[in-house]
Amino acid sequence: MGELWDKGTDTLSHHDLLKEFEGRAASVGGFSGRNSVGLECTGLAKDFSVLGEVVRAMISRPSLPEKELLDAKRVTLDQLK
């Protein structure tokens, strides 16, 4: 699941997300474990509110393309075997 966060939101495409973070010299990464999932973002303090809104959109309104979601599910299930 962690690898799907940056695929986009309901209003921002993957490319839009890249522009937001790279244009501000910031980075974002998803992580997931057996019982956790989340995002980690680093950037400049002056961009905190803008980056916070983008991360909030990534968490609350992810686009989760069906094919990629099914691929991630298959990989996760394989790892549990």
C-alpha atoms as a PDB file:
ATOM      1  CA  MET A   1       0.000   0.000   0.000  1.00  0.00           C
ATOM      2  CA  GLY A   2       2.816   2.400   0.783  1.00  0.00           C
ATOM      3  CA  GLU A   3       3.935   2.488  -2.832  1.00  0.00           C
ATOM      4  CA  LEU A   4       0.529   3.740  -4.035  1.00  0.00           C
ATOM      5  CA  TRP A   5       0.327   7.047  -2.143  1.00  0.00           C
ATOM      6  CA  ASP A   6       2.107   9.083  -4.804  1.00  0.00           C
ATOM      7  CA  LYS A   7      -0.062   7.924  -7.721  1.00  0.00           C
ATOM      8  CA  GLY A   8      -2.292  10.970  -7.352  1.00  0.00           C
ATOM      9  CA  THR A   9      -5.373  12.308  -5.633  1.00  0.00           C
ATOM     10  CA  ASP A  10      -8.855  13.165  -6.821  1.00  0.00           C
ATOM     11  CA  THR A  11      -7.532  16.568  -7.960  1.00  0.00           C
ATOM     12  CA  LEU A  12      -3.749  16.091  -8.388  1.00  0.00           C
ATOM     13  CA  SER A  13      -2.115  13.726 -10.869  1.00  0.00           C
ATOM     14  CA  HIS A  14       1.119  11.881 -10.197  1.00  0.00           C
ATOM     15  CA  HIS A  15       2.904  14.545 -12.267  1.00  0.00           C
ATOM     16  CA  ASP A  16       1.262  17.350 -10.250  1.00  0.00           C
ATOM     17  CA  LEU A  17       2.475  15.757  -7.014  1.00  0.00           C
ATOM     18  CA  LEU A  18       6.017  15.501  -8.366  1.00  0.00           C
ATOM     19  CA  LYS A  19       5.954  19.190  -9.342  1.00  0.00           C
ATOM     20  CA  GLU A  20       4.674  20.214  -5.886  1.00  0.00           C
ATOM     21  CA  PHE A  21       7.411  18.354  -4.013  1.00  0.00           C
ATOM     22  CA  GLU A  22      10.338  18.754  -6.383  1.00  0.00           C
ATOM     23  CA  GLY A  23       9.527  22.426  -6.948  1.00  0.00           C
ATOM     24  CA  ARG A  24       9.893  22.999  -3.217  1.00  0.00           C
ATOM     25  CA  ALA A  25      12.994  20.806  -2.774  1.00  0.00           C
ATOM     26  CA  ALA A  26      10.844  18.461  -0.680  1.00  0.00           C
ATOM     27  CA  SER A  27      10.300  14.723  -0.682  1.00  0.00           C
ATOM     28  CA  VAL A  28       7.555  12.338   0.275  1.00  0.00           C
ATOM     29  CA  GLY A  29       7.550   8.587   0.699  1.00  0.00           C
ATOM     30  CA  GLY A  30       5.037   5.971   1.640  1.00  0.00           C
ATOM     31  CA  PHE A  31       5.605   3.102   4.016  1.00  0.00           C
ATOM     32  CA  SER A  32       3.579   0.158   5.157  1.00  0.00           C
ATOM     33  CA  GLY A  33       4.031  -2.755   7.466  1.00  0.00           C
ATOM     34  CA  ARG A  34       2.004  -5.578   8.878  1.00  0.00           C
ATOM     35  CA  ASN A  35      -0.206  -3.226  10.888  1.00  0.00           C
ATOM     36  CA  SER A  36       0.788   0.273   9.801  1.00  0.00           C
ATOM     37  CA  VAL A  37       0.741   2.507   6.777  1.00  0.00           C
ATOM     38  CA  GLY A  38       1.706   6.120   6.337  1.00  0.00           C
ATOM     39  CA  LEU A  39       3.565   8.919   4.613  1.00  0.00           C
ATOM     40  CA  GLU A  40       6.752  10.727   5.538  1.00  0.00           C
ATOM     41  CA  CYS A  41       7.430  14.172   4.145  1.00  0.00           C
ATOM     42  CA  THR A  42      10.519  16.362   4.408  1.00  0.00           C
ATOM     43  CA  GLY A  43      10.787  19.950   3.255  1.00  0.00           C
ATOM     44  CA  LEU A  44      11.514  23.497   4.299  1.00  0.00           C
ATOM     45  CA  ALA A  45       9.647  25.007   7.239  1.00  0.00           C
ATOM     46  CA  LYS A  46       8.385  27.872   5.055  1.00  0.00           C
ATOM     47  CA  ASP A  47       6.516  25.320   2.894  1.00  0.00           C
ATOM     48  CA  PHE A  48       4.973  23.433   5.815  1.00  0.00           C
ATOM     49  CA  SER A  49       1.360  24.529   5.301  1.00  0.00           C
ATOM     50  CA  VAL A  50       1.363  23.919   1.533  1.00  0.00           C
ATOM     51  CA  LEU A  51       3.080  20.533   1.816  1.00  0.00           C
ATOM     52  CA  GLY A  52       0.802  19.597   4.705  1.00  0.00           C
ATOM     53  CA  GLU A  53      -2.257  20.217   2.534  1.00  0.00           C
ATOM     54  CA  VAL A  54      -0.821  18.106  -0.284  1.00  0.00           C
ATOM     55  CA  VAL A  55       0.005  15.242   2.101  1.00  0.00           C
ATOM     56  CA  ARG A  56      -3.474  15.514   3.609  1.00  0.00           C
ATOM     57  CA  ALA A  57      -4.989  15.163   0.132  1.00  0.00           C
ATOM     58  CA  MET A  58      -2.750  12.162  -0.584  1.00  0.00           C
ATOM     59  CA  ILE A  59      -3.994  10.434   2.572  1.00  0.00           C
ATOM     60  CA  SER A  60      -7.657  11.408   2.503  1.00  0.00           C
ATOM     61  CA  ARG A  61      -8.353  11.375  -1.243  1.00  0.00           C
ATOM     62  CA  PRO A  62      -5.913   9.011  -3.002  1.00  0.00           C
ATOM     63  CA  SER A  63      -6.712   8.039  -6.586  1.00  0.00           C
ATOM     64  CA  LEU A  64      -5.580   4.388  -6.137  1.00  0.00           C
ATOM     65  CA  PRO A  65      -5.682   3.167  -9.755  1.00  0.00           C
ATOM     66  CA  GLU A  66      -7.415  -0.229  -9.782  1.00  0.00           C
ATOM     67  CA  LYS A  67      -4.710  -2.102 -11.711  1.00  0.00           C
ATOM     68  CA  GLU A  68      -1.952  -0.850  -9.430  1.00  0.00           C
ATOM     69  CA  LEU A  69      -4.063  -1.570  -6.345  1.00  0.00           C
ATOM     70  CA  LEU A  70      -4.606  -5.160  -7.508  1.00  0.00           C
ATOM     71  CA  ASP A  71      -0.871  -5.553  -8.233  1.00  0.00           C
ATOM     72  CA  ALA A  72       0.013  -4.277  -4.750  1.00  0.00           C
ATOM     73  CA  LYS A  73      -2.543  -6.640  -3.215  1.00  0.00           C
ATOM     74  CA  ARG A  74      -1.055  -9.604  -5.098  1.00  0.00           C
ATOM     75  CA  VAL A  75       2.490  -8.713  -3.961  1.00  0.00           C
ATOM     76  CA  THR A  76       1.341  -8.291  -0.357  1.00  0.00           C
ATOM     77  CA  LEU A  77      -0.468 -11.623  -0.357  1.00  0.00           C
ATOM     78  CA  ASP A  78       2.636 -13.313  -1.837  1.00  0.00           C
ATOM     79  CA  GLN A  79       4.762 -11.832   0.960  1.00  0.00           C
ATOM     80  CA  LEU A  80       2.426 -13.274   3.596  1.00  0.00           C
ATOM     81  CA  LYS A  81       2.888 -16.839   2.327  1.00  0.00           C
END
